[in-house]
Amino acid sequence: MSKRVYFLAHGGVVQGVGFRYFVQKKAVEYHVTGWVRNTDDNKVEGEAQGNADSVSQFLKHVDDGPRHAHVVRLDKKDLDIIDGEDRFQVRH
């Protein structure tokens, strides 16, 4: 069963620590498609799509973040599946 989730990472430190590239690496590892980007208010947002178990495992890593990050809260919202999406990209 496929699933698509919007996520928003709030924290003391989620920008300037390689967060987006960490998320992209985990997406590739878990075969998740979608995107990630920094927001203007020092958060990181994105969308992840894939097998429900893979998305769940992926989001656990997003909630932890890379070594120098500190995620205070990870908001999630289920979305409709996007057909034909084939990669995970870092948006600027």
Foldseek 3Di string as FASTA:
>chain_A
DKWKKKKKFDFPACPPPCQQVQLQVLCVVLVWAWEKEADPVGMIIIMTMDDPVSVVVSVVDSCVTDDPTGTPDMDMDTDDDDPPGRGYYYDD
